[in-house]
């Protein structure tokens, strides 16, 4: 086993991710500690072998607890100053980690950072807005060539001081899927310091880690999309958040497209159901989210 650096721990969440996980792990520089938290993959033997091949620590969960809870479990294993939450379908470009470390020293007031996230076609994936923020706080359009503050972070690659992550309580365990990165971003920004995009640190988002395209999975995604949007809108006192959640769910459910697609119909109707259900019976701290067999690293559709 190679010696580990003592400044950074990478945490990644796996769910049947054996196709993309080796490429991500191969991009990690020697000496960086990686914790894989597996959300009850059906092919866990493959995940165990991949972890062993790449000298990564594996936490094998008996049930899918969602992205945020899995990240919290991985972070609890870290004894380093910094954490990097990285999706299994993201590859680290050369010198990216060094650039993030230098940025943390350059912007000591900042609490967390996004590297520049590149799509496979070379374009940049930048999160400029969130439905949990007033429109006045959204980031304007335009090319970004230098480091800058951002209103919210993309969840596929979040670099954060562990002390700040712990101080805000990590990811909200009541959010199973959707908005967990927005929620964490807003709490970090308000309680610990600004959020930054670091353009010299680059990662490649290759895609391919999402759950299977099935009616059942679509229904689960829709349910949690509706549930999480209402819950987070209330939590963050989003202006007209509940009203906007209802309107968006209604418009999606009434789209003519639902007549021609079983997947869209299942997703949008489940979203509408969960939206009204969560409005009528708000989620409280004592509740537990439904642990469904769906990936904890889904594309965000906020």
Protein backbone atom coordinates (compact mmCIF):
# COMPACT_ATOMS: atom_id res chain seq x y z
CA UNK A 1 0.00 0.00 0.00
CA UNK A 2 1.44 3.36 -1.03
CA UNK A 3 1.78 6.12 1.61
CA UNK A 4 -1.05 8.66 1.67
CA UNK A 5 -0.81 12.43 1.60
CA UNK A 6 -2.28 14.05 4.67
CA UNK A 7 -4.05 17.07 3.16
CA UNK A 8 -6.89 15.67 1.03
CA UNK A 9 -9.46 12.88 1.01
CA UNK A 10 -11.54 12.19 -2.09
CA UNK A 11 -15.04 10.84 -1.36
CA UNK A 12 -17.03 9.21 -4.15
CA UNK A 13 -20.42 7.50 -4.04
CA UNK A 14 -20.92 4.34 -6.07
CA UNK A 15 -24.06 2.62 -7.26
CA UNK A 16 -23.40 -0.03 -9.91
CA UNK A 17 -20.64 2.29 -11.12
CA UNK A 18 -18.08 -0.34 -12.15
CA UNK A 19 -18.03 0.92 -15.75
CA UNK A 20 -16.83 4.43 -14.89
CA UNK A 21 -15.21 4.08 -11.48
CA UNK A 22 -11.86 2.66 -12.72
CA UNK A 23 -11.29 5.67 -15.00
CA UNK A 24 -11.96 8.10 -12.17
CA UNK A 25 -9.66 6.24 -9.78
CA UNK A 26 -6.93 6.03 -12.40
CA UNK A 27 -6.99 9.83 -12.68
CA UNK A 28 -6.28 10.31 -8.96
CA UNK A 29 -2.63 11.24 -8.32
CA UNK A 30 -0.54 8.83 -6.27
CA UNK A 31 -0.76 9.32 -2.54
CA UNK A 32 -4.28 10.78 -2.40
CA UNK A 33 -6.65 8.88 -0.12
CA UNK A 34 -9.93 7.82 -1.77
CA UNK A 35 -13.02 6.63 0.10
CA UNK A 36 -15.65 4.85 -1.99
CA UNK A 37 -19.05 4.65 -0.32
CA UNK A 38 -21.13 2.07 -2.12
CA UNK A 39 -24.92 2.53 -2.02
CA UNK A 40 -25.82 -1.17 -2.10
CA UNK A 41 -24.67 -2.02 -5.62
CA UNK A 42 -26.01 -5.27 -7.01
CA UNK A 43 -22.52 -6.04 -8.26
CA UNK A 44 -20.62 -5.30 -5.07
CA UNK A 45 -17.98 -7.95 -5.80
CA UNK A 46 -16.88 -5.90 -8.81
CA UNK A 47 -16.76 -2.71 -6.72
CA UNK A 48 -14.66 -4.45 -4.07
CA UNK A 49 -12.17 -5.60 -6.69
CA UNK A 50 -11.94 -2.14 -8.24
CA UNK A 51 -11.32 -0.57 -4.82
CA UNK A 52 -8.59 -3.11 -4.08
CA UNK A 53 -6.96 -2.60 -7.49
CA UNK A 54 -6.71 1.15 -6.89
CA UNK A 55 -5.80 1.07 -3.18
CA UNK A 56 -9.04 2.84 -2.22
CA UNK A 57 -10.97 2.45 1.02
CA UNK A 58 -14.43 0.94 0.50
CA UNK A 59 -17.46 1.47 2.74
CA UNK A 60 -20.06 -1.11 1.72
CA UNK A 61 -23.57 -0.02 2.73
CA UNK A 62 -26.33 -2.60 3.05
CA UNK A 63 -28.96 -0.21 1.64
CA UNK A 64 -29.03 2.80 -0.66
CA UNK A 65 -28.99 5.83 1.63
CA UNK A 66 -28.79 8.48 -1.08
CA UNK A 67 -25.92 10.69 -2.20
CA UNK A 68 -25.79 13.09 0.74
CA UNK A 69 -25.85 10.51 3.52
CA UNK A 70 -23.24 8.42 1.70
CA UNK A 71 -21.01 11.49 1.36
CA UNK A 72 -21.35 12.19 5.07
CA UNK A 73 -20.28 8.63 5.85
CA UNK A 74 -17.27 8.96 3.56
CA UNK A 75 -16.32 12.33 5.07
CA UNK A 76 -16.40 10.80 8.56
CA UNK A 77 -13.53 8.54 7.48
CA UNK A 78 -11.33 11.50 6.56
CA UNK A 79 -8.63 12.95 8.78
CA UNK A 80 -7.43 15.52 6.28
CA UNK A 81 -7.80 19.28 6.03
CA UNK A 82 -9.73 19.14 2.77
CA UNK A 83 -12.39 16.97 1.14
CA UNK A 84 -13.18 16.54 -2.54
CA UNK A 85 -16.60 15.06 -3.25
CA UNK A 86 -16.27 13.59 -6.72
CA UNK A 87 -18.80 11.73 -8.85
CA UNK A 88 -17.55 8.37 -10.15
CA UNK A 89 -17.96 9.55 -13.75
CA UNK A 90 -15.58 12.49 -13.29
CA UNK A 91 -11.88 12.35 -14.17
CA UNK A 92 -9.28 14.63 -12.62
CA UNK A 93 -7.08 16.55 -15.06
CA UNK A 94 -3.33 16.95 -14.32
CA UNK A 95 -2.48 19.59 -11.70
CA UNK A 96 -6.15 20.10 -10.80
CA UNK A 97 -5.70 19.15 -7.15
CA UNK A 98 -2.63 21.36 -6.80
CA UNK A 99 -4.62 24.25 -8.29
CA UNK A 100 -7.44 23.73 -5.80
CA UNK A 101 -5.00 23.60 -2.91
CA UNK A 102 -3.36 26.83 -4.09
CA UNK A 103 -6.78 28.46 -4.44
CA UNK A 104 -7.65 27.62 -0.85
CA UNK A 105 -4.53 29.50 0.23
CA UNK A 106 -5.25 32.36 -2.19
CA UNK A 107 -8.85 32.77 -0.99
CA UNK A 108 -8.68 32.01 2.74
CA UNK A 109 -12.18 33.38 3.41
CA UNK A 110 -13.76 30.94 0.96
CA UNK A 111 -15.45 27.82 2.30
CA UNK A 112 -15.73 25.66 -0.83
CA UNK A 113 -14.83 25.52 -4.50
CA UNK A 114 -15.75 24.05 -7.85
CA UNK A 115 -13.05 23.23 -10.35
CA UNK A 116 -13.86 23.96 -13.98
CA UNK A 117 -16.04 20.99 -14.97
CA UNK A 118 -15.59 20.11 -18.64
CA UNK A 119 -18.06 18.11 -20.69
CA UNK A 120 -16.79 15.54 -23.16
CA UNK A 121 -17.32 18.00 -26.03
CA UNK A 122 -15.02 20.54 -24.35
CA UNK A 123 -17.72 22.91 -23.11
CA UNK A 124 -17.83 24.02 -19.49
CA UNK A 125 -20.60 22.89 -17.17
CA UNK A 126 -21.23 25.78 -14.81
CA UNK A 127 -24.02 26.04 -12.28
CA UNK A 128 -25.15 29.66 -12.37
CA UNK A 129 -28.50 29.43 -10.59
CA UNK A 130 -30.68 27.51 -8.19
CA UNK A 131 -34.42 27.44 -7.65
CA UNK A 132 -33.61 27.99 -3.98
CA UNK A 133 -32.24 31.48 -4.76
CA UNK A 134 -33.96 34.67 -5.78
CA UNK A 135 -33.34 35.53 -9.43
CA UNK A 136 -31.26 38.55 -8.38
CA UNK A 137 -28.68 36.15 -6.95
CA UNK A 138 -28.29 34.13 -10.13
CA UNK A 139 -25.00 34.37 -11.98
CA UNK A 140 -25.25 36.20 -15.33
CA UNK A 141 -24.51 34.45 -18.59
CA UNK A 142 -21.16 34.84 -20.31
CA UNK A 143 -17.75 33.21 -20.55
CA UNK A 144 -15.78 32.80 -17.35
CA UNK A 145 -12.02 32.99 -17.85
CA UNK A 146 -10.84 33.82 -14.33
CA UNK A 147 -11.59 32.70 -10.79
CA UNK A 148 -14.83 34.13 -9.47
CA UNK A 149 -17.43 33.80 -6.76
CA UNK A 150 -20.44 31.66 -7.62
CA UNK A 151 -23.88 31.52 -5.98
CA UNK A 152 -24.05 27.72 -5.78
CA UNK A 153 -21.79 24.74 -6.47
CA UNK A 154 -22.24 21.82 -8.86
CA UNK A 155 -22.33 18.60 -6.86
CA UNK A 156 -20.18 16.52 -9.23
CA UNK A 157 -16.94 18.01 -7.85
CA UNK A 158 -16.99 19.97 -4.58
CA UNK A 159 -13.70 20.87 -2.87
CA UNK A 160 -14.29 21.99 0.70
CA UNK A 161 -12.49 22.56 3.95
CA UNK A 162 -13.43 19.70 6.22
CA UNK A 163 -13.79 22.07 9.18
CA UNK A 164 -16.38 24.09 7.26
CA UNK A 165 -18.18 20.97 6.03
CA UNK A 166 -18.40 19.64 9.58
CA UNK A 167 -19.43 23.02 10.99
CA UNK A 168 -22.58 23.16 8.84
CA UNK A 169 -23.43 19.53 9.55
CA UNK A 170 -22.50 18.15 6.13
CA UNK A 171 -25.17 17.16 3.65
CA UNK A 172 -28.74 17.22 4.93
CA UNK A 173 -29.65 13.57 5.67
CA UNK A 174 -33.34 14.25 4.94
CA UNK A 175 -32.56 14.85 1.25
CA UNK A 176 -32.32 11.52 -0.55
CA UNK A 177 -32.01 12.85 -4.09
CA UNK A 178 -31.96 16.29 -5.79
CA UNK A 179 -31.03 19.68 -4.29
CA UNK A 180 -28.55 18.21 -1.78
CA UNK A 181 -25.70 20.15 -3.42
CA UNK A 182 -27.72 23.38 -3.58
CA UNK A 183 -28.67 23.05 0.08
CA UNK A 184 -25.07 22.43 1.17
CA UNK A 185 -23.82 25.31 -0.98
CA UNK A 186 -26.22 27.82 0.51
CA UNK A 187 -25.44 26.80 4.08
CA UNK A 188 -21.69 26.99 3.44
CA UNK A 189 -21.99 30.38 1.78
CA UNK A 190 -24.17 31.87 4.48
CA UNK A 191 -22.43 30.40 7.51
CA UNK A 192 -18.80 29.85 6.55
CA UNK A 193 -17.71 31.91 3.54
CA UNK A 194 -18.06 32.51 -0.19
CA UNK A 195 -17.99 29.86 -2.90
CA UNK A 196 -15.52 30.03 -5.79
CA UNK A 197 -14.98 28.64 -9.25
CA UNK A 198 -11.30 27.89 -9.92
CA UNK A 199 -10.69 27.92 -13.67
CA UNK A 200 -7.14 26.52 -13.57
CA UNK A 201 -8.36 23.34 -11.85
CA UNK A 202 -10.05 21.17 -14.44
CA UNK A 203 -11.97 17.90 -14.29
CA UNK A 204 -13.74 16.02 -17.07
CA UNK A 205 -17.32 14.88 -16.59
CA UNK A 206 -17.56 11.83 -18.80
CA UNK A 207 -21.13 10.86 -17.91
CA UNK A 208 -22.54 7.37 -17.76
CA UNK A 209 -23.11 6.80 -14.02
CA UNK A 210 -26.86 7.37 -13.96
CA UNK A 211 -29.39 4.73 -13.10
CA UNK A 212 -31.08 2.64 -15.74
CA UNK A 213 -33.78 4.29 -17.86
CA UNK A 214 -36.90 2.52 -16.63
CA UNK A 215 -40.41 3.52 -15.65
CA UNK A 216 -39.81 2.53 -12.03
CA UNK A 217 -36.60 4.55 -11.79
CA UNK A 218 -38.30 7.53 -13.47
CA UNK A 219 -41.11 7.36 -10.91
CA UNK A 220 -38.61 7.33 -8.01
CA UNK A 221 -36.69 10.28 -9.48
CA UNK A 222 -39.87 12.26 -9.97
CA UNK A 223 -41.04 11.59 -6.44
CA UNK A 224 -37.79 12.78 -4.88
CA UNK A 225 -37.58 15.79 -7.21
CA UNK A 226 -40.97 17.00 -5.98
CA UNK A 227 -40.25 16.13 -2.35
CA UNK A 228 -36.83 17.77 -2.25
CA UNK A 229 -37.85 20.97 -4.00
CA UNK A 230 -40.65 21.68 -1.56
CA UNK A 231 -38.57 20.71 1.46
CA UNK A 232 -35.59 22.85 0.44
CA UNK A 233 -37.74 25.81 -0.60
CA UNK A 234 -39.30 25.87 2.86
CA UNK A 235 -35.98 25.31 4.58
CA UNK A 236 -34.32 28.24 2.81
CA UNK A 237 -37.34 30.55 2.80
CA UNK A 238 -37.22 30.77 -0.98
CA UNK A 239 -39.46 33.62 -2.22
CA UNK A 240 -42.68 32.02 -3.51
CA UNK A 241 -40.82 28.71 -3.37
CA UNK A 242 -43.82 26.53 -2.61
CA UNK A 243 -45.97 28.24 -5.23
CA UNK A 244 -43.29 27.84 -7.89
CA UNK A 245 -42.83 24.17 -6.96
CA UNK A 246 -46.54 23.52 -7.45
CA UNK A 247 -46.74 25.44 -10.72
CA UNK A 248 -43.70 23.65 -12.14
CA UNK A 249 -45.03 20.24 -11.11
CA UNK A 250 -48.47 20.97 -12.58
CA UNK A 251 -47.05 22.21 -15.88
CA UNK A 252 -44.84 19.15 -16.22
CA UNK A 253 -47.70 16.78 -15.37
CA UNK A 254 -50.00 18.45 -17.93
CA UNK A 255 -47.46 18.46 -20.74
CA UNK A 256 -48.72 16.69 -23.90
CA UNK A 257 -45.51 14.68 -23.82
CA UNK A 258 -46.81 12.61 -20.91
CA UNK A 259 -49.33 11.05 -23.30
CA UNK A 260 -46.57 9.55 -25.43
CA UNK A 261 -43.93 8.55 -22.86
CA UNK A 262 -44.53 6.13 -20.00
CA UNK A 263 -41.29 7.24 -18.35
CA UNK A 264 -42.19 10.93 -18.45
CA UNK A 265 -45.72 10.22 -17.28
CA UNK A 266 -44.43 8.16 -14.35
CA UNK A 267 -41.86 10.79 -13.39
CA UNK A 268 -44.08 13.86 -13.71
CA UNK A 269 -47.11 12.38 -11.97
CA UNK A 270 -44.93 11.11 -9.12
CA UNK A 271 -43.38 14.56 -8.87
CA UNK A 272 -46.82 16.16 -8.63
CA UNK A 273 -47.93 13.65 -6.00
CA UNK A 274 -44.83 14.25 -3.87
CA UNK A 275 -45.12 18.02 -4.22
CA UNK A 276 -48.62 18.10 -2.74
CA UNK A 277 -47.84 15.40 -0.20
CA UNK A 278 -44.86 17.36 1.14
CA UNK A 279 -46.85 20.59 1.24
CA UNK A 280 -49.60 18.92 3.28
CA UNK A 281 -47.23 16.97 5.55
CA UNK A 282 -43.96 18.91 5.78
CA UNK A 283 -40.77 16.97 6.38
CA UNK A 284 -39.50 17.32 9.94
CA UNK A 285 -36.07 16.60 11.47
CA UNK A 286 -37.26 13.30 12.87
CA UNK A 287 -38.30 11.95 9.47
CA UNK A 288 -36.23 9.64 7.34
CA UNK A 289 -36.26 9.78 3.54
CA UNK A 290 -37.40 6.71 1.66
CA UNK A 291 -34.33 4.72 0.66
CA UNK A 292 -35.04 3.71 -2.90
CA UNK A 293 -32.88 1.68 -5.24
CA UNK A 294 -31.78 4.62 -7.35
CA UNK A 295 -28.38 6.12 -7.94
CA UNK A 296 -27.06 8.63 -5.43
CA UNK A 297 -25.21 10.57 -8.11
CA UNK A 298 -27.96 11.54 -10.53
CA UNK A 299 -27.78 14.41 -13.01
CA UNK A 300 -29.32 17.45 -11.35
CA UNK A 301 -32.54 18.70 -12.93
CA UNK A 302 -33.26 21.71 -10.76
